[in-house]
Amino acid sequence: MKLLKKVSACLLLSLLVVTSMFSTTNRAIKHTQKIIHMMGKVLTITAVINPQ
C-alpha cells in the first residue's frame, strides 16, 4: 500500500511542475483544473480501495 502513496506523491509532483510551467496561459489553467479534478477522482478511488 506504500506504493499507492508513492504514486500519488509522484502525480502531485508532476502536476506542480506542469502547473508552474504552463501557469501563464488561460488554456493551461483550464487544463490544470481538469487535471486537478481527475486527481481528486483518483485520490477518492484510492481512499475507497485503501481506507486508512
Protein backbone atom coordinates (compact mmCIF):
# COMPACT_ATOMS: atom_id res chain seq x y z
CA MET A 1 0.00 0.00 0.00
CA LYS A 2 3.04 2.29 0.30
CA LEU A 3 3.24 2.08 -3.50
CA LEU A 4 -0.11 3.89 -3.82
CA LYS A 5 1.15 6.74 -1.66
CA LYS A 6 4.35 6.98 -3.73
CA VAL A 7 2.31 7.03 -6.95
CA SER A 8 0.02 9.80 -5.73
CA ALA A 9 3.03 11.77 -4.48
CA CYS A 10 4.66 11.48 -7.92
CA LEU A 11 1.41 12.53 -9.61
CA LEU A 12 1.12 15.59 -7.38
CA LEU A 13 4.76 16.48 -8.04
CA SER A 14 4.37 16.26 -11.80
CA LEU A 15 1.13 18.24 -11.50
CA LEU A 16 3.03 21.02 -9.70
CA VAL A 17 5.74 21.00 -12.37
CA VAL A 18 3.18 21.17 -15.18
CA THR A 19 1.29 23.92 -13.39
CA SER A 20 4.39 26.05 -12.84
CA MET A 21 5.46 25.55 -16.47
CA PHE A 22 2.11 26.45 -18.05
CA SER A 23 0.50 28.75 -15.49
CA THR A 24 0.89 31.71 -17.86
CA THR A 25 -1.83 30.81 -20.35
CA ASN A 26 -5.56 30.67 -19.81
CA ARG A 27 -5.90 27.40 -21.75
CA ALA A 28 -3.30 25.79 -19.50
CA ILE A 29 -5.21 26.97 -16.41
CA LYS A 30 -8.36 25.25 -17.69
CA HIS A 31 -6.31 22.14 -18.49
CA THR A 32 -4.81 22.22 -14.99
CA GLN A 33 -8.28 22.41 -13.48
CA LYS A 34 -9.22 19.28 -15.43
CA ILE A 35 -6.09 17.51 -14.15
CA ILE A 36 -6.86 18.56 -10.57
CA HIS A 37 -10.42 17.28 -10.98
CA MET A 38 -9.10 13.94 -12.25
CA MET A 39 -6.57 13.81 -9.39
CA GLY A 40 -9.45 14.28 -6.95
CA LYS A 41 -11.25 11.31 -8.51
CA VAL A 42 -8.10 9.18 -8.36
CA LEU A 43 -7.46 10.06 -4.73
CA THR A 44 -11.10 9.38 -3.85
CA ILE A 45 -10.98 5.96 -5.52
CA THR A 46 -7.66 5.25 -3.76
CA ALA A 47 -9.19 6.18 -0.41
CA VAL A 48 -12.16 3.88 -1.07
CA ILE A 49 -9.94 0.96 -2.09
CA ASN A 50 -7.43 1.59 0.70
CA PRO A 51 -9.13 3.06 3.80
CA GLN A 52 -6.69 4.27 6.44
